Amino acid sequence: MMSNEQLINTKQKMEDRLIPDHTVGNIYVENARMSARKVNVYYSDKQALDDVNLDIGSSQVIAFIGPSGCGKSTLLRCFNRMNDTIDGCRIEGEIKIDKDDVHDPAIDVVSLRARVGMVFQKPNPFPKSIYDNIAYGPRIHGLAATKVDLDNIVQYALHRAGLWAEVKDRLDKPGTGLSGGQQQRLCIARAIAVSPEVILMDEPCSALDPIATAKIEELIHELREQYTIVIVTHSMQQAARVSDRTAYFHLGKLVEVGETTQVFTNPQHELTQDYITGRFG
């Protein structure tokens, strides 16, 4: 009889054989807003992403799904160079927003992160007023010439995030005093305020209750008309509800990508099928 360690190693070898040499499905889309080509990411001597190729279309929502540690969040952080902040992280390959290589020395990282905003797993409002949370980005990027301009940006961003009616009478109060769901929408409004082209969301609902989650999902549906949205989620139900396309990752490889309805109802790869049906994950 095999030991537990032998069983785990055997299962790992079987899964390794299953991983395709090339991604199943169509990685290409017309008028891609962002693209990744032959992207490999290493944390010191550990490889976290292995030869990933993927297009992200304009004004669409794409969901990244897969088991913990499969590379979803690593790829997400590549798009606005958040991995630059991690010691020992090395990135190979090409990542573009429109025609611009995000690793071009001429690219200013601060400006890139305005174009590619990010909403994290845990709401992280600044220890400032609700107003100043939203106004911070437009101020440092010089997007408002006057106080009236700044007021308009703050109101617009809060409207787009579905938060204006709830906070319009307490803009001078701390953002940290809001509920968890309101704080997350405040963080989305903060991203919107600098007019991004892409919004990255790293499990934005994992710390929220079902009611707050429903509001965030409704907001994603509204924002997709104007922004490209990439969402990492452990909830396959959420991916099915909010996304146009879904990408499934396994052990650092992009296994399959396609229209969400196709991936969930007729997956083309056995690993995708096993994950979606709950055989592992």
Protein backbone atom coordinates (compact mmCIF):
# COMPACT_ATOMS: atom_id res chain seq x y z
CA MET A 1 0.00 0.00 0.00
CA MET A 2 1.32 3.45 -0.93
CA SER A 3 1.97 6.02 1.78
CA ASN A 4 0.16 9.39 1.76
CA GLU A 5 3.30 11.02 0.38
CA GLN A 6 3.48 8.48 -2.44
CA LEU A 7 -0.22 9.01 -3.22
CA ILE A 8 0.28 12.78 -3.37
CA ASN A 9 3.34 12.41 -5.62
CA THR A 10 1.47 10.01 -7.90
CA LYS A 11 -1.50 12.39 -8.14
CA GLN A 12 0.90 15.29 -8.87
CA LYS A 13 2.61 13.36 -11.67
CA MET A 14 -0.76 12.48 -13.22
CA GLU A 15 -1.84 16.14 -13.11
CA ASP A 16 1.50 17.25 -14.56
CA ARG A 17 0.94 14.93 -17.54
CA LEU A 18 -2.53 16.39 -18.03
CA ILE A 19 -1.41 20.01 -18.26
CA PRO A 20 -1.44 21.00 -21.96
CA ASP A 21 1.65 22.33 -23.71
CA HIS A 22 -0.52 25.10 -25.17
CA THR A 23 -3.58 26.79 -23.76
CA VAL A 24 -6.88 25.22 -24.75
CA GLY A 25 -9.31 27.75 -26.26
CA ASN A 26 -8.74 31.06 -27.97
CA ILE A 27 -6.31 33.36 -26.17
CA TYR A 28 -6.79 36.06 -28.80
CA VAL A 29 -9.47 38.74 -28.94
CA GLU A 30 -10.04 41.64 -31.30
CA ASN A 31 -8.98 45.07 -30.04
CA ALA A 32 -7.25 43.66 -26.97
CA ARG A 33 -6.85 46.22 -24.20
CA MET A 34 -4.08 44.23 -22.52
CA SER A 35 -2.02 41.26 -23.63
CA ALA A 36 0.49 38.85 -22.12
CA ARG A 37 2.97 36.90 -24.22
CA LYS A 38 5.27 34.15 -22.95
CA VAL A 39 5.04 35.48 -19.40
CA ASN A 40 7.09 33.62 -16.81
CA VAL A 41 7.27 34.78 -13.19
CA TYR A 42 9.71 33.59 -10.55
CA TYR A 43 9.77 34.23 -6.82
CA SER A 44 13.46 33.62 -6.16
CA ASP A 45 13.96 30.05 -7.44
CA LYS A 46 10.26 29.12 -7.52
CA GLN A 47 8.38 29.50 -10.81
CA ALA A 48 4.88 30.89 -10.27
CA LEU A 49 3.80 31.39 -13.90
CA ASP A 50 4.86 29.26 -16.84
CA ASP A 51 4.71 30.64 -20.39
CA VAL A 52 1.33 32.38 -20.12
CA ASN A 53 -0.25 33.92 -23.23
CA LEU A 54 -3.52 35.81 -22.94
CA ASP A 55 -5.47 38.72 -24.45
CA ILE A 56 -7.92 40.80 -22.43
CA GLY A 57 -10.57 42.51 -24.51
CA SER A 58 -11.73 46.09 -24.24
CA SER A 59 -14.89 46.70 -22.15
CA GLN A 60 -15.21 43.10 -21.02
CA VAL A 61 -14.99 41.25 -17.72
CA ILE A 62 -12.62 38.32 -17.57
CA ALA A 63 -12.46 36.05 -14.51
CA PHE A 64 -9.34 34.15 -13.43
CA ILE A 65 -10.22 30.92 -11.61
CA GLY A 66 -8.25 27.98 -10.28
CA PRO A 67 -6.94 26.38 -7.06
CA SER A 68 -4.98 28.39 -4.50
CA GLY A 69 -1.40 29.02 -5.61
CA CYS A 70 -2.10 28.45 -9.30
CA GLY A 71 -0.86 31.88 -10.46
CA LYS A 72 -4.09 33.89 -10.80
CA SER A 73 -3.11 36.78 -8.55
CA THR A 74 0.50 36.68 -9.76
CA LEU A 75 -0.63 37.37 -13.33
CA LEU A 76 -3.08 40.02 -12.13
CA ARG A 77 -0.27 41.89 -10.36
CA CYS A 78 1.85 41.75 -13.51
CA PHE A 79 -0.59 44.00 -15.37
CA ASN A 80 0.18 47.07 -13.22
CA ARG A 81 3.62 45.97 -12.02
CA MET A 82 2.60 45.40 -8.42
CA ASN A 83 5.07 42.50 -8.42
CA ASP A 84 7.83 45.12 -8.55
CA THR A 85 7.28 45.59 -4.83
CA ILE A 86 8.12 41.93 -4.03
CA ASP A 87 11.76 41.14 -3.31
CA GLY A 88 13.16 38.35 -5.45
CA CYS A 89 10.39 38.52 -8.04
CA ARG A 90 11.57 38.22 -11.64
CA ILE A 91 9.33 38.56 -14.70
CA GLU A 92 10.06 37.41 -18.25
CA GLY A 93 7.98 37.96 -21.36
CA GLU A 94 5.91 40.83 -22.68
CA ILE A 95 2.89 42.56 -21.17
CA LYS A 96 1.20 45.39 -23.05
CA ILE A 97 -1.60 47.85 -22.45
CA ASP A 98 -2.77 48.88 -25.90
CA LYS A 99 0.56 49.24 -27.73
CA ASP A 100 2.62 50.14 -24.67
CA ASP A 101 5.00 47.66 -23.06
CA VAL A 102 4.44 48.04 -19.31
CA HIS A 103 8.13 47.26 -18.67
CA ASP A 104 9.42 49.89 -21.08
CA PRO A 105 11.87 52.11 -19.13
CA ALA A 106 9.99 55.11 -20.51
CA ILE A 107 6.77 54.00 -18.77
CA ASP A 108 6.14 55.80 -15.48
CA VAL A 109 4.87 53.25 -12.95
CA VAL A 110 2.67 55.79 -11.15
CA SER A 111 0.96 56.70 -14.43
CA LEU A 112 0.62 53.01 -15.33
CA ARG A 113 -1.17 52.33 -12.06
CA ALA A 114 -3.56 55.15 -12.82
CA ARG A 115 -4.35 53.54 -16.18
CA VAL A 116 -4.57 50.09 -14.58
CA GLY A 117 -6.27 50.51 -11.20
CA MET A 118 -6.47 47.83 -8.55
CA VAL A 119 -8.98 46.78 -5.91
CA PHE A 120 -7.60 44.42 -3.30
CA GLN A 121 -9.08 41.48 -1.42
CA LYS A 122 -9.45 43.45 1.81
CA PRO A 123 -10.88 46.98 1.60
CA ASN A 124 -8.05 49.42 2.25
CA PRO A 125 -9.36 52.99 2.45
CA PHE A 126 -6.82 55.63 3.36
CA PRO A 127 -7.02 57.00 6.94
CA LYS A 128 -8.60 60.13 5.48
CA SER A 129 -12.07 61.50 4.89
CA ILE A 130 -14.33 59.92 2.30
CA TYR A 131 -13.79 62.99 0.11
CA ASP A 132 -10.00 62.88 0.43
CA ASN A 133 -9.92 59.15 -0.35
CA ILE A 134 -11.39 59.93 -3.76
CA ALA A 135 -9.60 63.24 -4.30
CA TYR A 136 -6.14 61.86 -3.56
CA GLY A 137 -5.50 60.35 -7.01
CA PRO A 138 -6.83 63.27 -9.07
CA ARG A 139 -4.72 65.64 -6.96
CA ILE A 140 -1.41 63.82 -7.45
CA HIS A 141 -2.09 63.29 -11.16
CA GLY A 142 -3.15 66.91 -11.75
CA LEU A 143 -6.59 65.97 -13.07
CA ALA A 144 -8.44 68.87 -11.43
CA ALA A 145 -7.62 72.50 -12.15
CA THR A 146 -10.02 73.91 -9.56
CA LYS A 147 -11.86 72.87 -6.41
CA VAL A 148 -15.06 72.70 -8.46
CA ASP A 149 -13.38 70.26 -10.87
CA LEU A 150 -12.25 68.14 -7.94
CA ASP A 151 -15.73 68.19 -6.39
CA ASN A 152 -17.18 67.01 -9.70
CA ILE A 153 -14.66 64.15 -9.98
CA VAL A 154 -15.41 63.00 -6.42
CA GLN A 155 -19.15 63.10 -7.00
CA TYR A 156 -18.85 61.31 -10.35
CA ALA A 157 -16.66 58.52 -8.91
CA LEU A 158 -18.97 57.98 -5.95
CA HIS A 159 -21.97 57.90 -8.29
CA ARG A 160 -20.29 55.31 -10.53
CA ALA A 161 -19.47 53.20 -7.48
CA GLY A 162 -23.09 53.35 -6.31
CA LEU A 163 -22.07 55.10 -3.09
CA TRP A 164 -23.06 58.75 -3.53
CA ALA A 165 -26.55 58.49 -2.03
CA GLU A 166 -25.15 56.76 1.06
CA VAL A 167 -22.27 59.16 1.80
CA LYS A 168 -23.10 62.54 0.22
CA ASP A 169 -23.95 64.07 3.63
CA ARG A 170 -20.79 62.83 5.37
CA LEU A 171 -17.97 63.34 2.90
CA ASP A 172 -15.83 64.81 5.69
CA LYS A 173 -16.14 61.64 7.80
CA PRO A 174 -13.38 58.96 7.81
CA GLY A 175 -13.60 56.36 5.07
CA THR A 176 -12.63 53.76 7.64
CA GLY A 177 -15.96 54.39 9.40
CA LEU A 178 -17.94 52.83 6.55
CA SER A 179 -19.14 49.24 6.51
CA GLY A 180 -16.98 46.61 4.81
CA GLY A 181 -19.04 46.63 1.62
CA GLN A 182 -19.11 50.43 1.53
CA GLN A 183 -15.35 50.55 2.07
CA GLN A 184 -14.84 48.23 -0.91
CA ARG A 185 -17.06 50.42 -3.09
CA LEU A 186 -15.08 53.44 -1.83
CA CYS A 187 -11.90 51.72 -3.02
CA ILE A 188 -13.53 51.11 -6.41
CA ALA A 189 -14.56 54.79 -6.55
CA ARG A 190 -10.97 55.75 -5.69
CA ALA A 191 -9.76 53.71 -8.66
CA ILE A 192 -12.39 55.20 -10.98
CA ALA A 193 -11.48 58.78 -9.98
CA VAL A 194 -8.26 58.74 -12.03
CA SER A 195 -10.04 57.56 -15.22
CA PRO A 196 -8.44 54.12 -15.59
CA GLU A 197 -8.66 51.99 -18.69
CA VAL A 198 -8.51 48.72 -16.75
CA ILE A 199 -9.64 47.79 -13.23
CA LEU A 200 -8.02 44.78 -11.58
CA MET A 201 -9.96 43.10 -8.77
CA ASP A 202 -8.22 40.55 -6.56
CA GLU A 203 -11.01 38.58 -4.84
CA PRO A 204 -12.90 41.81 -4.06
CA CYS A 205 -15.79 40.07 -2.31
CA SER A 206 -14.01 37.42 -0.24
CA ALA A 207 -14.23 39.51 2.96
CA LEU A 208 -17.82 40.65 2.37
CA ASP A 209 -21.23 39.32 3.36
CA PRO A 210 -23.71 38.12 0.67
CA ILE A 211 -25.60 41.45 0.52
CA ALA A 212 -22.41 43.48 0.05
CA THR A 213 -21.17 40.91 -2.48
CA ALA A 214 -24.36 41.29 -4.52
CA LYS A 215 -23.85 45.06 -4.61
CA ILE A 216 -20.27 44.70 -5.83
CA GLU A 217 -21.37 42.24 -8.53
CA GLU A 218 -24.11 44.63 -9.64
CA LEU A 219 -21.50 47.38 -9.78
CA ILE A 220 -19.22 45.22 -11.95
CA HIS A 221 -22.11 44.76 -14.42
CA GLU A 222 -22.54 48.54 -14.61
CA LEU A 223 -18.83 49.34 -14.93
CA ARG A 224 -18.18 46.83 -17.74
CA GLU A 225 -19.70 49.30 -20.22
CA GLN A 226 -16.85 51.74 -19.65
CA TYR A 227 -13.93 49.74 -18.23
CA THR A 228 -12.07 46.53 -18.86
CA ILE A 229 -12.26 44.47 -15.67
CA VAL A 230 -10.10 41.54 -14.61
CA ILE A 231 -11.34 39.69 -11.53
CA VAL A 232 -9.63 36.93 -9.58
CA THR A 233 -12.17 34.86 -7.69
CA HIS A 234 -12.33 31.57 -5.82
CA SER A 235 -16.10 31.54 -6.35
CA MET A 236 -17.00 29.78 -9.57
CA GLN A 237 -20.58 30.98 -9.09
CA GLN A 238 -19.34 34.56 -9.01
CA ALA A 239 -17.23 34.04 -12.13
CA ALA A 240 -20.26 32.62 -13.91
CA ARG A 241 -22.42 35.58 -12.84
CA VAL A 242 -20.14 38.50 -13.66
CA SER A 243 -17.69 37.55 -16.42
CA ASP A 244 -17.77 37.45 -20.23
CA ARG A 245 -14.69 35.23 -20.46
CA THR A 246 -13.08 32.86 -17.97
CA ALA A 247 -9.47 31.71 -17.73
CA TYR A 248 -8.61 28.58 -15.74
CA PHE A 249 -5.13 28.28 -14.21
CA HIS A 250 -3.41 25.22 -12.77
CA LEU A 251 0.12 24.97 -11.31
CA GLY A 252 1.21 28.23 -12.93
CA LYS A 253 -0.10 27.41 -16.40
CA LEU A 254 -3.09 28.86 -18.20
CA VAL A 255 -4.94 25.66 -19.05
CA GLU A 256 -8.07 26.95 -20.75
CA VAL A 257 -9.70 30.25 -21.68
CA GLY A 258 -12.98 30.93 -23.42
CA GLU A 259 -16.44 32.38 -23.22
CA THR A 260 -17.71 31.89 -19.67
CA THR A 261 -20.78 29.90 -20.67
CA GLN A 262 -18.63 27.54 -22.73
CA VAL A 263 -15.99 27.05 -20.03
CA PHE A 264 -18.61 26.23 -17.40
CA THR A 265 -20.97 24.12 -19.51
CA ASN A 266 -18.59 22.48 -21.97
CA PRO A 267 -14.96 22.73 -20.77
CA GLN A 268 -12.44 21.54 -23.33
CA HIS A 269 -9.82 20.23 -20.91
CA GLU A 270 -10.05 17.50 -18.30
CA LEU A 271 -8.40 19.64 -15.60
CA THR A 272 -10.98 22.39 -16.12
CA GLN A 273 -13.78 19.81 -15.97
CA ASP A 274 -12.40 18.34 -12.75
CA TYR A 275 -12.13 21.75 -11.08
CA ILE A 276 -15.57 22.95 -12.11
CA THR A 277 -17.23 19.71 -11.00
CA GLY A 278 -15.50 19.89 -7.62
CA ARG A 279 -13.18 16.92 -7.96
CA PHE A 280 -10.35 19.07 -6.60
CA GLY A 281 -9.65 22.67 -5.68
